[in-house]
Amino acid sequence: MAEPTTRLKVRDWNGISLVEFSDRKILDEMCIAEIEEELFKLVDKGVAANMLLSFSNVGHFSSAALGMLLKLKKKVDERKGTLKLSDINPQIYDVFKITQLNKKFDIYPSADKAKASF
């Protein structure tokens, strides 16, 4: 089992690391840097070969955080893992569409649908 983190709730979901954000707003650089560090530690430890990021708790997400997601995807891909996203609210999803990142990430309407796709 993964060690507890402050910005993330991580649990093993039958071999998939289900990662939920603790913060409703992921906006400032300090918050983003802490989340990035915690996510990268999970990948480095091999805990998160298959990772599902659930945005169910997130109401606001800055464009700076999108860069962090791209770095995370690259890191997971380098380790031959899979990264999927779920439960993104419509306003945040619009940012993914505008930046065309919806084509770069596997995005699902719910964690259950994402889990079934692994």
PDB file of N, CA and C in Angstrom:
ATOM      1  N   MET A   1       0.844  -1.190   0.000  1.00  0.00           N
ATOM      2  CA  MET A   1       0.000   0.000   0.000  1.00  0.00           C
ATOM      3  C   MET A   1       0.879   1.239   0.000  1.00  0.00           C
ATOM      4  N   ALA A   2       0.469   2.247  -0.712  1.00  0.00           N
ATOM      5  CA  ALA A   2       1.249   3.491  -0.808  1.00  0.00           C
ATOM      6  C   ALA A   2       1.204   4.233   0.519  1.00  0.00           C
ATOM      7  N   GLU A   3       2.282   4.974   0.773  1.00  0.00           N
ATOM      8  CA  GLU A   3       2.303   5.761   1.997  1.00  0.00           C
ATOM      9  C   GLU A   3       1.350   6.940   1.860  1.00  0.00           C
ATOM     10  N   PRO A   4       0.826   7.437   2.993  1.00  0.00           N
ATOM     11  CA  PRO A   4      -0.123   8.536   2.910  1.00  0.00           C
ATOM     12  C   PRO A   4       0.540   9.797   2.350  1.00  0.00           C
ATOM     13  N   THR A   5      -0.227  10.563   1.618  1.00  0.00           N
ATOM     14  CA  THR A   5       0.268  11.805   1.054  1.00  0.00           C
ATOM     15  C   THR A   5      -0.651  12.934   1.499  1.00  0.00           C
ATOM     16  N   THR A   6      -0.203  14.150   1.316  1.00  0.00           N
ATOM     17  CA  THR A   6      -1.005  15.266   1.782  1.00  0.00           C
ATOM     18  C   THR A   6      -1.949  15.802   0.714  1.00  0.00           C
ATOM     19  N   ARG A   7      -1.499  15.858  -0.524  1.00  0.00           N
ATOM     20  CA  ARG A   7      -2.301  16.437  -1.607  1.00  0.00           C
ATOM     21  C   ARG A   7      -3.084  15.398  -2.387  1.00  0.00           C
ATOM     22  N   LEU A   8      -2.799  14.130  -2.145  1.00  0.00           N
ATOM     23  CA  LEU A   8      -3.421  13.054  -2.914  1.00  0.00           C
ATOM     24  C   LEU A   8      -3.960  11.974  -1.992  1.00  0.00           C
ATOM     25  N   LYS A   9      -5.033  11.342  -2.420  1.00  0.00           N
ATOM     26  CA  LYS A   9      -5.517  10.126  -1.767  1.00  0.00           C
ATOM     27  C   LYS A   9      -5.231   8.998  -2.757  1.00  0.00           C
ATOM     28  N   VAL A  10      -4.436   8.040  -2.339  1.00  0.00           N
ATOM     29  CA  VAL A  10      -4.027   6.960  -3.226  1.00  0.00           C
ATOM     30  C   VAL A  10      -4.505   5.640  -2.645  1.00  0.00           C
ATOM     31  N   ARG A  11      -5.134   4.843  -3.500  1.00  0.00           N
ATOM     32  CA  ARG A  11      -5.478   3.492  -3.052  1.00  0.00           C
ATOM     33  C   ARG A  11      -5.316   2.520  -4.201  1.00  0.00           C
ATOM     34  N   ASP A  12      -5.013   1.299  -3.828  1.00  0.00           N
ATOM     35  CA  ASP A  12      -4.861   0.254  -4.831  1.00  0.00           C
ATOM     36  C   ASP A  12      -6.250  -0.256  -5.185  1.00  0.00           C
ATOM     37  N   TRP A  13      -6.518  -0.303  -6.479  1.00  0.00           N
ATOM     38  CA  TRP A  13      -7.822  -0.713  -6.978  1.00  0.00           C
ATOM     39  C   TRP A  13      -7.594  -1.886  -7.913  1.00  0.00           C
ATOM     40  N   ASN A  14      -7.338  -3.057  -7.318  1.00  0.00           N
ATOM     41  CA  ASN A  14      -7.040  -4.275  -8.086  1.00  0.00           C
ATOM     42  C   ASN A  14      -5.893  -4.069  -9.074  1.00  0.00           C
ATOM     43  N   GLY A  15      -4.757  -3.575  -8.572  1.00  0.00           N
ATOM     44  CA  GLY A  15      -3.574  -3.404  -9.404  1.00  0.00           C
ATOM     45  C   GLY A  15      -3.497  -2.069 -10.117  1.00  0.00           C
ATOM     46  N   ILE A  16      -4.510  -1.245  -9.967  1.00  0.00           N
ATOM     47  CA  ILE A  16      -4.507   0.101 -10.542  1.00  0.00           C
ATOM     48  C   ILE A  16      -4.393   1.084  -9.376  1.00  0.00           C
ATOM     49  N   SER A  17      -3.484   2.032  -9.486  1.00  0.00           N
ATOM     50  CA  SER A  17      -3.400   3.061  -8.456  1.00  0.00           C
ATOM     51  C   SER A  17      -4.448   4.125  -8.752  1.00  0.00           C
ATOM     52  N   LEU A  18      -5.484   4.164  -7.917  1.00  0.00           N
ATOM     53  CA  LEU A  18      -6.516   5.191  -8.040  1.00  0.00           C
ATOM     54  C   LEU A  18      -6.051   6.394  -7.229  1.00  0.00           C
ATOM     55  N   VAL A  19      -5.835   7.495  -7.913  1.00  0.00           N
ATOM     56  CA  VAL A  19      -5.325   8.700  -7.276  1.00  0.00           C
ATOM     57  C   VAL A  19      -6.403   9.775  -7.346  1.00  0.00           C
ATOM     58  N   GLU A  20      -6.804  10.249  -6.167  1.00  0.00           N
ATOM     59  CA  GLU A  20      -7.779  11.329  -6.089  1.00  0.00           C
ATOM     60  C   GLU A  20      -7.097  12.547  -5.485  1.00  0.00           C
ATOM     61  N   PHE A  21      -7.438  13.704  -5.991  1.00  0.00           N
ATOM     62  CA  PHE A  21      -6.865  14.948  -5.485  1.00  0.00           C
ATOM     63  C   PHE A  21      -7.594  15.364  -4.212  1.00  0.00           C
ATOM     64  N   SER A  22      -6.844  15.782  -3.192  1.00  0.00           N
ATOM     65  CA  SER A  22      -7.444  16.257  -1.948  1.00  0.00           C
ATOM     66  C   SER A  22      -7.961  17.682  -2.096  1.00  0.00           C
ATOM     67  N   ASP A  23      -7.310  18.461  -2.958  1.00  0.00           N
ATOM     68  CA  ASP A  23      -7.652  19.873  -3.114  1.00  0.00           C
ATOM     69  C   ASP A  23      -8.792  20.063  -4.116  1.00  0.00           C
ATOM     70  N   ARG A  24      -9.713  20.970  -3.791  1.00  0.00           N
ATOM     71  CA  ARG A  24     -10.766  21.344  -4.746  1.00  0.00           C
ATOM     72  C   ARG A  24     -10.214  22.255  -5.832  1.00  0.00           C
ATOM     73  N   LYS A  25      -9.213  23.067  -5.437  1.00  0.00           N
ATOM     74  CA  LYS A  25      -8.618  24.016  -6.378  1.00  0.00           C
ATOM     75  C   LYS A  25      -7.142  23.694  -6.548  1.00  0.00           C
ATOM     76  N   ILE A  26      -6.747  23.437  -7.766  1.00  0.00           N
ATOM     77  CA  ILE A  26      -5.336  23.179  -8.079  1.00  0.00           C
ATOM     78  C   ILE A  26      -4.896  24.336  -8.967  1.00  0.00           C
ATOM     79  N   LEU A  27      -4.459  25.401  -8.298  1.00  0.00           N
ATOM     80  CA  LEU A  27      -4.212  26.647  -9.006  1.00  0.00           C
ATOM     81  C   LEU A  27      -2.805  27.198  -8.818  1.00  0.00           C
ATOM     82  N   ASP A  28      -2.319  27.223  -7.575  1.00  0.00           N
ATOM     83  CA  ASP A  28      -1.046  27.910  -7.342  1.00  0.00           C
ATOM     84  C   ASP A  28       0.155  26.994  -7.557  1.00  0.00           C
ATOM     85  N   GLU A  29       1.287  27.622  -7.832  1.00  0.00           N
ATOM     86  CA  GLU A  29       2.505  26.874  -8.179  1.00  0.00           C
ATOM     87  C   GLU A  29       2.949  25.928  -7.079  1.00  0.00           C
ATOM     88  N   MET A  30       2.820  26.348  -5.819  1.00  0.00           N
ATOM     89  CA  MET A  30       3.248  25.511  -4.695  1.00  0.00           C
ATOM     90  C   MET A  30       2.415  24.233  -4.637  1.00  0.00           C
ATOM     91  N   CYS A  31       1.122  24.372  -4.774  1.00  0.00           N
ATOM     92  CA  CYS A  31       0.217  23.222  -4.768  1.00  0.00           C
ATOM     93  C   CYS A  31       0.561  22.267  -5.922  1.00  0.00           C
ATOM     94  N   ILE A  32       0.740  22.818  -7.105  1.00  0.00           N
ATOM     95  CA  ILE A  32       1.055  22.006  -8.289  1.00  0.00           C
ATOM     96  C   ILE A  32       2.386  21.282  -8.106  1.00  0.00           C
ATOM     97  N   ALA A  33       3.385  21.986  -7.565  1.00  0.00           N
ATOM     98  CA  ALA A  33       4.708  21.377  -7.343  1.00  0.00           C
ATOM     99  C   ALA A  33       4.612  20.224  -6.347  1.00  0.00           C
ATOM    100  N   GLU A  34       3.827  20.396  -5.288  1.00  0.00           N
ATOM    101  CA  GLU A  34       3.676  19.323  -4.295  1.00  0.00           C
ATOM    102  C   GLU A  34       2.951  18.115  -4.890  1.00  0.00           C
ATOM    103  N   ILE A  35       1.926  18.364  -5.677  1.00  0.00           N
ATOM    104  CA  ILE A  35       1.200  17.261  -6.328  1.00  0.00           C
ATOM    105  C   ILE A  35       2.131  16.524  -7.292  1.00  0.00           C
ATOM    106  N   GLU A  36       2.882  17.296  -8.081  1.00  0.00           N
ATOM    107  CA  GLU A  36       3.816  16.679  -9.027  1.00  0.00           C
ATOM    108  C   GLU A  36       4.824  15.799  -8.298  1.00  0.00           C
ATOM    109  N   GLU A  37       5.376  16.313  -7.208  1.00  0.00           N
ATOM    110  CA  GLU A  37       6.366  15.536  -6.442  1.00  0.00           C
ATOM    111  C   GLU A  37       5.756  14.229  -5.937  1.00  0.00           C
ATOM    112  N   GLU A  38       4.542  14.302  -5.392  1.00  0.00           N
ATOM    113  CA  GLU A  38       3.899  13.100  -4.862  1.00  0.00           C
ATOM    114  C   GLU A  38       3.593  12.090  -5.982  1.00  0.00           C
ATOM    115  N   LEU A  39       3.101  12.579  -7.112  1.00  0.00           N
ATOM    116  CA  LEU A  39       2.799  11.677  -8.234  1.00  0.00           C
ATOM    117  C   LEU A  39       4.071  11.024  -8.771  1.00  0.00           C
ATOM    118  N   PHE A  40       5.131  11.807  -8.918  1.00  0.00           N
ATOM    119  CA  PHE A  40       6.391  11.262  -9.428  1.00  0.00           C
ATOM    120  C   PHE A  40       6.967  10.229  -8.476  1.00  0.00           C
ATOM    121  N   LYS A  41       6.819  10.441  -7.158  1.00  0.00           N
ATOM    122  CA  LYS A  41       7.299   9.449  -6.184  1.00  0.00           C
ATOM    123  C   LYS A  41       6.561   8.129  -6.366  1.00  0.00           C
ATOM    124  N   LEU A  42       5.251   8.204  -6.608  1.00  0.00           N
ATOM    125  CA  LEU A  42       4.479   6.976  -6.834  1.00  0.00           C
ATOM    126  C   LEU A  42       5.007   6.216  -8.049  1.00  0.00           C
ATOM    127  N   VAL A  43       5.273   6.935  -9.111  1.00  0.00           N
ATOM    128  CA  VAL A  43       5.779   6.307 -10.334  1.00  0.00           C
ATOM    129  C   VAL A  43       7.181   5.742 -10.096  1.00  0.00           C
ATOM    130  N   ASP A  44       8.047   6.516  -9.438  1.00  0.00           N
ATOM    131  CA  ASP A  44       9.419   6.067  -9.184  1.00  0.00           C
ATOM    132  C   ASP A  44       9.464   4.815  -8.317  1.00  0.00           C
ATOM    133  N   LYS A  45       8.539   4.702  -7.366  1.00  0.00           N
ATOM    134  CA  LYS A  45       8.506   3.530  -6.494  1.00  0.00           C
ATOM    135  C   LYS A  45       7.914   2.317  -7.199  1.00  0.00           C
ATOM    136  N   GLY A  46       7.391   2.528  -8.399  1.00  0.00           N
ATOM    137  CA  GLY A  46       6.771   1.412  -9.100  1.00  0.00           C
ATOM    138  C   GLY A  46       5.381   1.105  -8.604  1.00  0.00           C
ATOM    139  N   VAL A  47       4.859   1.960  -7.726  1.00  0.00           N
ATOM    140  CA  VAL A  47       3.518   1.753  -7.177  1.00  0.00           C
ATOM    141  C   VAL A  47       2.473   1.981  -8.259  1.00  0.00           C
ATOM    142  N   ALA A  48       2.802   2.864  -9.206  1.00  0.00           N
ATOM    143  CA  ALA A  48       1.773   3.346 -10.130  1.00  0.00           C
ATOM    144  C   ALA A  48       2.088   3.046 -11.582  1.00  0.00           C
ATOM    145  N   ALA A  49       2.278   1.770 -11.913  1.00  0.00           N
ATOM    146  CA  ALA A  49       2.473   1.435 -13.323  1.00  0.00           C
ATOM    147  C   ALA A  49       1.190   1.733 -14.093  1.00  0.00           C
ATOM    148  N   ASN A  50       0.070   1.379 -13.503  1.00  0.00           N
ATOM    149  CA  ASN A  50      -1.236   1.726 -14.060  1.00  0.00           C
ATOM    150  C   ASN A  50      -1.887   2.708 -13.105  1.00  0.00           C
ATOM    151  N   MET A  51      -2.037   3.949 -13.584  1.00  0.00           N
ATOM    152  CA  MET A  51      -2.516   5.017 -12.712  1.00  0.00           C
ATOM    153  C   MET A  51      -3.773   5.641 -13.295  1.00  0.00           C
ATOM    154  N   LEU A  52      -4.749   5.826 -12.428  1.00  0.00           N
ATOM    155  CA  LEU A  52      -5.979   6.520 -12.785  1.00  0.00           C
ATOM    156  C   LEU A  52      -6.086   7.751 -11.906  1.00  0.00           C
ATOM    157  N   LEU A  53      -6.086   8.919 -12.536  1.00  0.00           N
ATOM    158  CA  LEU A  53      -6.267  10.178 -11.811  1.00  0.00           C
ATOM    159  C   LEU A  53      -7.744  10.549 -11.877  1.00  0.00           C
ATOM    160  N   SER A  54      -8.390  10.579 -10.727  1.00  0.00           N
ATOM    161  CA  SER A  54      -9.789  10.973 -10.665  1.00  0.00           C
ATOM    162  C   SER A  54      -9.885  12.443 -10.275  1.00  0.00           C
ATOM    163  N   PHE A  55     -10.575  13.204 -11.088  1.00  0.00           N
ATOM    164  CA  PHE A  55     -10.767  14.630 -10.839  1.00  0.00           C
ATOM    165  C   PHE A  55     -12.112  14.901 -10.161  1.00  0.00           C
ATOM    166  N   SER A  56     -12.720  13.880  -9.561  1.00  0.00           N
ATOM    167  CA  SER A  56     -14.067  14.018  -9.010  1.00  0.00           C
ATOM    168  C   SER A  56     -14.164  15.116  -7.953  1.00  0.00           C
ATOM    169  N   ASN A  57     -13.087  15.392  -7.247  1.00  0.00           N
ATOM    170  CA  ASN A  57     -13.095  16.394  -6.184  1.00  0.00           C
ATOM    171  C   ASN A  57     -12.638  17.770  -6.674  1.00  0.00           C
ATOM    172  N   VAL A  58     -12.176  17.869  -7.912  1.00  0.00           N
ATOM    173  CA  VAL A  58     -11.534  19.097  -8.384  1.00  0.00           C
ATOM    174  C   VAL A  58     -12.546  20.013  -9.068  1.00  0.00           C
ATOM    175  N   GLY A  59     -12.628  21.250  -8.583  1.00  0.00           N
ATOM    176  CA  GLY A  59     -13.514  22.235  -9.170  1.00  0.00           C
ATOM    177  C   GLY A  59     -12.783  23.237 -10.045  1.00  0.00           C
ATOM    178  N   HIS A  60     -11.526  23.488  -9.713  1.00  0.00           N
ATOM    179  CA  HIS A  60     -10.724  24.471 -10.454  1.00  0.00           C
ATOM    180  C   HIS A  60      -9.334  23.900 -10.693  1.00  0.00           C
ATOM    181  N   PHE A  61      -8.836  24.083 -11.909  1.00  0.00           N
ATOM    182  CA  PHE A  61      -7.572  23.473 -12.316  1.00  0.00           C
ATOM    183  C   PHE A  61      -6.874  24.443 -13.252  1.00  0.00           C
ATOM    184  N   SER A  62      -5.675  24.898 -12.890  1.00  0.00           N
ATOM    185  CA  SER A  62      -4.998  25.915 -13.703  1.00  0.00           C
ATOM    186  C   SER A  62      -4.315  25.299 -14.917  1.00  0.00           C
ATOM    187  N   SER A  63      -4.071  26.148 -15.896  1.00  0.00           N
ATOM    188  CA  SER A  63      -3.367  25.674 -17.089  1.00  0.00           C
ATOM    189  C   SER A  63      -1.944  25.248 -16.745  1.00  0.00           C
ATOM    190  N   ALA A  64      -1.359  25.837 -15.701  1.00  0.00           N
ATOM    191  CA  ALA A  64      -0.013  25.421 -15.276  1.00  0.00           C
ATOM    192  C   ALA A  64      -0.008  23.954 -14.839  1.00  0.00           C
ATOM    193  N   ALA A  65      -1.117  23.505 -14.283  1.00  0.00           N
ATOM    194  CA  ALA A  65      -1.208  22.110 -13.849  1.00  0.00           C
ATOM    195  C   ALA A  65      -1.242  21.157 -15.044  1.00  0.00           C
ATOM    196  N   LEU A  66      -1.667  21.646 -16.207  1.00  0.00           N
ATOM    197  CA  LEU A  66      -1.668  20.802 -17.399  1.00  0.00           C
ATOM    198  C   LEU A  66      -0.244  20.387 -17.768  1.00  0.00           C
ATOM    199  N   GLY A  67       0.705  21.295 -17.598  1.00  0.00           N
ATOM    200  CA  GLY A  67       2.108  20.966 -17.858  1.00  0.00           C
ATOM    201  C   GLY A  67       2.589  19.844 -16.959  1.00  0.00           C
ATOM    202  N   MET A  68       2.156  19.888 -15.702  1.00  0.00           N
ATOM    203  CA  MET A  68       2.512  18.832 -14.755  1.00  0.00           C
ATOM    204  C   MET A  68       1.948  17.494 -15.221  1.00  0.00           C
ATOM    205  N   LEU A  69       0.718  17.490 -15.737  1.00  0.00           N
ATOM    206  CA  LEU A  69       0.120  16.248 -16.227  1.00  0.00           C
ATOM    207  C   LEU A  69       0.881  15.693 -17.429  1.00  0.00           C
ATOM    208  N   LEU A  70       1.333  16.581 -18.293  1.00  0.00           N
ATOM    209  CA  LEU A  70       2.116  16.134 -19.455  1.00  0.00           C
ATOM    210  C   LEU A  70       3.425  15.494 -19.017  1.00  0.00           C
ATOM    211  N   LYS A  71       4.101  16.092 -18.031  1.00  0.00           N
ATOM    212  CA  LYS A  71       5.347  15.496 -17.521  1.00  0.00           C
ATOM    213  C   LYS A  71       5.073  14.146 -16.877  1.00  0.00           C
ATOM    214  N   LEU A  72       3.958  14.063 -16.147  1.00  0.00           N
ATOM    215  CA  LEU A  72       3.591  12.796 -15.512  1.00  0.00           C
ATOM    216  C   LEU A  72       3.325  11.722 -16.566  1.00  0.00           C
ATOM    217  N   LYS A  73       2.583  12.082 -17.607  1.00  0.00           N
ATOM    218  CA  LYS A  73       2.298  11.112 -18.682  1.00  0.00           C
ATOM    219  C   LYS A  73       3.589  10.600 -19.300  1.00  0.00           C
ATOM    220  N   LYS A  74       4.525  11.506 -19.554  1.00  0.00           N
ATOM    221  CA  LYS A  74       5.804  11.106 -20.139  1.00  0.00           C
ATOM    222  C   LYS A  74       6.533  10.127 -19.215  1.00  0.00           C
ATOM    223  N   LYS A  75       6.544  10.423 -17.930  1.00  0.00           N
ATOM    224  CA  LYS A  75       7.228   9.570 -16.956  1.00  0.00           C
ATOM    225  C   LYS A  75       6.577   8.188 -16.882  1.00  0.00           C
ATOM    226  N   VAL A  76       5.247   8.153 -16.865  1.00  0.00           N
ATOM    227  CA  VAL A  76       4.533   6.871 -16.819  1.00  0.00           C
ATOM    228  C   VAL A  76       4.788   6.088 -18.108  1.00  0.00           C
ATOM    229  N   ASP A  77       4.743   6.773 -19.252  1.00  0.00           N
ATOM    230  CA  ASP A  77       5.007   6.110 -20.544  1.00  0.00           C
ATOM    231  C   ASP A  77       6.420   5.521 -20.587  1.00  0.00           C
ATOM    232  N   GLU A  78       7.389   6.255 -20.058  1.00  0.00           N
ATOM    233  CA  GLU A  78       8.777   5.763 -20.045  1.00  0.00           C
ATOM    234  C   GLU A  78       8.907   4.480 -19.250  1.00  0.00           C
ATOM    235  N   ARG A  79       8.049   4.306 -18.263  1.00  0.00           N
ATOM    236  CA  ARG A  79       8.088   3.104 -17.424  1.00  0.00           C
ATOM    237  C   ARG A  79       7.117   2.039 -17.931  1.00  0.00           C
ATOM    238  N   LYS A  80       6.635   2.236 -19.159  1.00  0.00           N
ATOM    239  CA  LYS A  80       5.727   1.283 -19.804  1.00  0.00           C
ATOM    240  C   LYS A  80       4.425   1.120 -19.017  1.00  0.00           C
ATOM    241  N   GLY A  81       4.015   2.190 -18.347  1.00  0.00           N
ATOM    242  CA  GLY A  81       2.767   2.172 -17.608  1.00  0.00           C
ATOM    243  C   GLY A  81       1.658   2.819 -18.409  1.00  0.00           C
ATOM    244  N   THR A  82       0.508   2.949 -17.771  1.00  0.00           N
ATOM    245  CA  THR A  82      -0.659   3.548 -18.400  1.00  0.00           C
ATOM    246  C   THR A  82      -1.231   4.591 -17.455  1.00  0.00           C
ATOM    247  N   LEU A  83      -1.546   5.757 -18.008  1.00  0.00           N
ATOM    248  CA  LEU A  83      -2.165   6.840 -17.242  1.00  0.00           C
ATOM    249  C   LEU A  83      -3.506   7.158 -17.873  1.00  0.00           C
ATOM    250  N   LYS A  84      -4.545   7.158 -17.041  1.00  0.00           N
ATOM    251  CA  LYS A  84      -5.889   7.517 -17.511  1.00  0.00           C
ATOM    252  C   LYS A  84      -6.463   8.553 -16.557  1.00  0.00           C
ATOM    253  N   LEU A  85      -7.370   9.371 -17.081  1.00  0.00           N
ATOM    254  CA  LEU A  85      -8.008  10.424 -16.294  1.00  0.00           C
ATOM    255  C   LEU A  85      -9.511  10.178 -16.285  1.00  0.00           C
ATOM    256  N   SER A  86     -10.156  10.558 -15.175  1.00  0.00           N
ATOM    257  CA  SER A  86     -11.613  10.395 -15.120  1.00  0.00           C
ATOM    258  C   SER A  86     -12.252  11.512 -14.310  1.00  0.00           C
ATOM    259  N   ASP A  87     -13.569  11.591 -14.439  1.00  0.00           N
ATOM    260  CA  ASP A  87     -14.403  12.484 -13.619  1.00  0.00           C
ATOM    261  C   ASP A  87     -14.021  13.958 -13.737  1.00  0.00           C
ATOM    262  N   ILE A  88     -13.670  14.391 -14.927  1.00  0.00           N
ATOM    263  CA  ILE A  88     -13.279  15.790 -15.134  1.00  0.00           C
ATOM    264  C   ILE A  88     -14.538  16.619 -15.356  1.00  0.00           C
ATOM    265  N   ASN A  89     -14.706  17.675 -14.564  1.00  0.00           N
ATOM    266  CA  ASN A  89     -15.923  18.473 -14.726  1.00  0.00           C
ATOM    267  C   ASN A  89     -15.892  19.225 -16.053  1.00  0.00           C
ATOM    268  N   PRO A  90     -17.056  19.596 -16.578  1.00  0.00           N
ATOM    269  CA  PRO A  90     -17.133  20.175 -17.932  1.00  0.00           C
ATOM    270  C   PRO A  90     -16.260  21.414 -18.149  1.00  0.00           C
ATOM    271  N   GLN A  91     -16.171  22.303 -17.163  1.00  0.00           N
ATOM    272  CA  GLN A  91     -15.346  23.502 -17.341  1.00  0.00           C
ATOM    273  C   GLN A  91     -13.872  23.144 -17.490  1.00  0.00           C
ATOM    274  N   ILE A  92     -13.408  22.204 -16.694  1.00  0.00           N
ATOM    275  CA  ILE A  92     -12.007  21.778 -16.797  1.00  0.00           C
ATOM    276  C   ILE A  92     -11.793  21.011 -18.102  1.00  0.00           C
ATOM    277  N   TYR A  93     -12.762  20.189 -18.481  1.00  0.00           N
ATOM    278  CA  TYR A  93     -12.634  19.441 -19.727  1.00  0.00           C
ATOM    279  C   TYR A  93     -12.535  20.386 -20.928  1.00  0.00           C
ATOM    280  N   ASP A  94     -13.226  21.516 -20.854  1.00  0.00           N
ATOM    281  CA  ASP A  94     -13.126  22.507 -21.934  1.00  0.00           C
ATOM    282  C   ASP A  94     -11.683  22.952 -22.145  1.00  0.00           C
ATOM    283  N   VAL A  95     -10.937  23.099 -21.051  1.00  0.00           N
ATOM    284  CA  VAL A  95      -9.523  23.486 -21.159  1.00  0.00           C
ATOM    285  C   VAL A  95      -8.733  22.377 -21.862  1.00  0.00           C
ATOM    286  N   PHE A  96      -9.039  21.132 -21.547  1.00  0.00           N
ATOM    287  CA  PHE A  96      -8.387  20.005 -22.233  1.00  0.00           C
ATOM    288  C   PHE A  96      -8.693  20.056 -23.730  1.00  0.00           C
ATOM    289  N   LYS A  97      -9.948  20.380 -24.077  1.00  0.00           N
ATOM    290  CA  LYS A  97     -10.329  20.444 -25.497  1.00  0.00           C
ATOM    291  C   LYS A  97      -9.649  21.620 -26.203  1.00  0.00           C
ATOM    292  N   ILE A  98      -9.645  22.781 -25.584  1.00  0.00           N
ATOM    293  CA  ILE A  98      -9.044  23.970 -26.190  1.00  0.00           C
ATOM    294  C   ILE A  98      -7.562  23.741 -26.473  1.00  0.00           C
ATOM    295  N   THR A  99      -6.885  23.100 -25.532  1.00  0.00           N
ATOM    296  CA  THR A  99      -5.446  22.842 -25.681  1.00  0.00           C
ATOM    297  C   THR A  99      -5.173  21.549 -26.455  1.00  0.00           C
ATOM    298  N   GLN A 100      -6.229  20.855 -26.842  1.00  0.00           N
ATOM    299  CA  GLN A 100      -6.174  19.573 -27.548  1.00  0.00           C
ATOM    300  C   GLN A 100      -5.511  18.467 -26.728  1.00  0.00           C
ATOM    301  N   LEU A 101      -5.452  18.657 -25.424  1.00  0.00           N
ATOM    302  CA  LEU A 101      -4.897  17.614 -24.559  1.00  0.00           C
ATOM    303  C   LEU A 101      -5.877  16.455 -24.387  1.00  0.00           C
ATOM    304  N   ASN A 102      -7.131  16.679 -24.735  1.00  0.00           N
ATOM    305  CA  ASN A 102      -8.082  15.565 -24.695  1.00  0.00           C
ATOM    306  C   ASN A 102      -7.696  14.478 -25.690  1.00  0.00           C
ATOM    307  N   LYS A 103      -6.863  14.828 -26.681  1.00  0.00           N
ATOM    308  CA  LYS A 103      -6.374  13.826 -27.641  1.00  0.00           C
ATOM    309  C   LYS A 103      -5.122  13.114 -27.121  1.00  0.00           C
ATOM    310  N   LYS A 104      -4.448  13.727 -26.170  1.00  0.00           N
ATOM    311  CA  LYS A 104      -3.202  13.163 -25.639  1.00  0.00           C
ATOM    312  C   LYS A 104      -3.436  12.216 -24.467  1.00  0.00           C
ATOM    313  N   PHE A 105      -4.544  12.412 -23.760  1.00  0.00           N
ATOM    314  CA  PHE A 105      -4.853  11.604 -22.582  1.00  0.00           C
ATOM    315  C   PHE A 105      -6.064  10.725 -22.834  1.00  0.00           C
ATOM    316  N   ASP A 106      -6.081   9.564 -22.178  1.00  0.00           N
ATOM    317  CA  ASP A 106      -7.277   8.720 -22.168  1.00  0.00           C
ATOM    318  C   ASP A 106      -8.172   9.254 -21.055  1.00  0.00           C
ATOM    319  N   ILE A 107      -9.301   9.845 -21.441  1.00  0.00           N
ATOM    320  CA  ILE A 107     -10.187  10.485 -20.474  1.00  0.00           C
ATOM    321  C   ILE A 107     -11.535   9.770 -20.484  1.00  0.00           C
ATOM    322  N   TYR A 108     -12.028   9.448 -19.285  1.00  0.00           N
ATOM    323  CA  TYR A 108     -13.273   8.705 -19.140  1.00  0.00           C
ATOM    324  C   TYR A 108     -14.237   9.485 -18.246  1.00  0.00           C
ATOM    325  N   PRO A 109     -15.548   9.298 -18.466  1.00  0.00           N
ATOM    326  CA  PRO A 109     -16.537  10.037 -17.673  1.00  0.00           C
ATOM    327  C   PRO A 109     -16.561   9.614 -16.205  1.00  0.00           C
ATOM    328  N   SER A 110     -16.156   8.373 -15.913  1.00  0.00           N
ATOM    329  CA  SER A 110     -16.166   7.896 -14.521  1.00  0.00           C
ATOM    330  C   SER A 110     -14.970   6.980 -14.270  1.00  0.00           C
ATOM    331  N   ALA A 111     -14.635   6.854 -12.993  1.00  0.00           N
ATOM    332  CA  ALA A 111     -13.534   5.969 -12.608  1.00  0.00           C
ATOM    333  C   ALA A 111     -13.848   4.526 -12.982  1.00  0.00           C
ATOM    334  N   ASP A 112     -15.107   4.111 -12.830  1.00  0.00           N
ATOM    335  CA  ASP A 112     -15.471   2.730 -13.178  1.00  0.00           C
ATOM    336  C   ASP A 112     -15.247   2.436 -14.656  1.00  0.00           C
ATOM    337  N   LYS A 113     -15.629   3.382 -15.529  1.00  0.00           N
ATOM    338  CA  LYS A 113     -15.418   3.183 -16.959  1.00  0.00           C
ATOM    339  C   LYS A 113     -13.926   3.152 -17.291  1.00  0.00           C
ATOM    340  N   ALA A 114     -13.152   3.995 -16.625  1.00  0.00           N
ATOM    341  CA  ALA A 114     -11.703   4.005 -16.841  1.00  0.00           C
ATOM    342  C   ALA A 114     -11.095   2.686 -16.391  1.00  0.00           C
ATOM    343  N   LYS A 115     -11.509   2.227 -15.228  1.00  0.00           N
ATOM    344  CA  LYS A 115     -10.981   0.977 -14.681  1.00  0.00           C
ATOM    345  C   LYS A 115     -11.240  -0.183 -15.640  1.00  0.00           C
ATOM    346  N   ALA A 116     -12.439  -0.212 -16.214  1.00  0.00           N
ATOM    347  CA  ALA A 116     -12.800  -1.299 -17.137  1.00  0.00           C
ATOM    348  C   ALA A 116     -11.940  -1.285 -18.398  1.00  0.00           C
ATOM    349  N   SER A 117     -11.327  -0.139 -18.701  1.00  0.00           N
ATOM    350  CA  SER A 117     -10.534  -0.027 -19.942  1.00  0.00           C
ATOM    351  C   SER A 117      -9.081  -0.463 -19.777  1.00  0.00           C
ATOM    352  N   PHE A 118      -8.640  -0.714 -18.535  1.00  0.00           N
ATOM    353  CA  PHE A 118      -7.240  -1.113 -18.333  1.00  0.00           C
ATOM    354  C   PHE A 118      -7.008  -2.521 -18.838  1.00  0.00           C
TER     355      PHE A 118
END
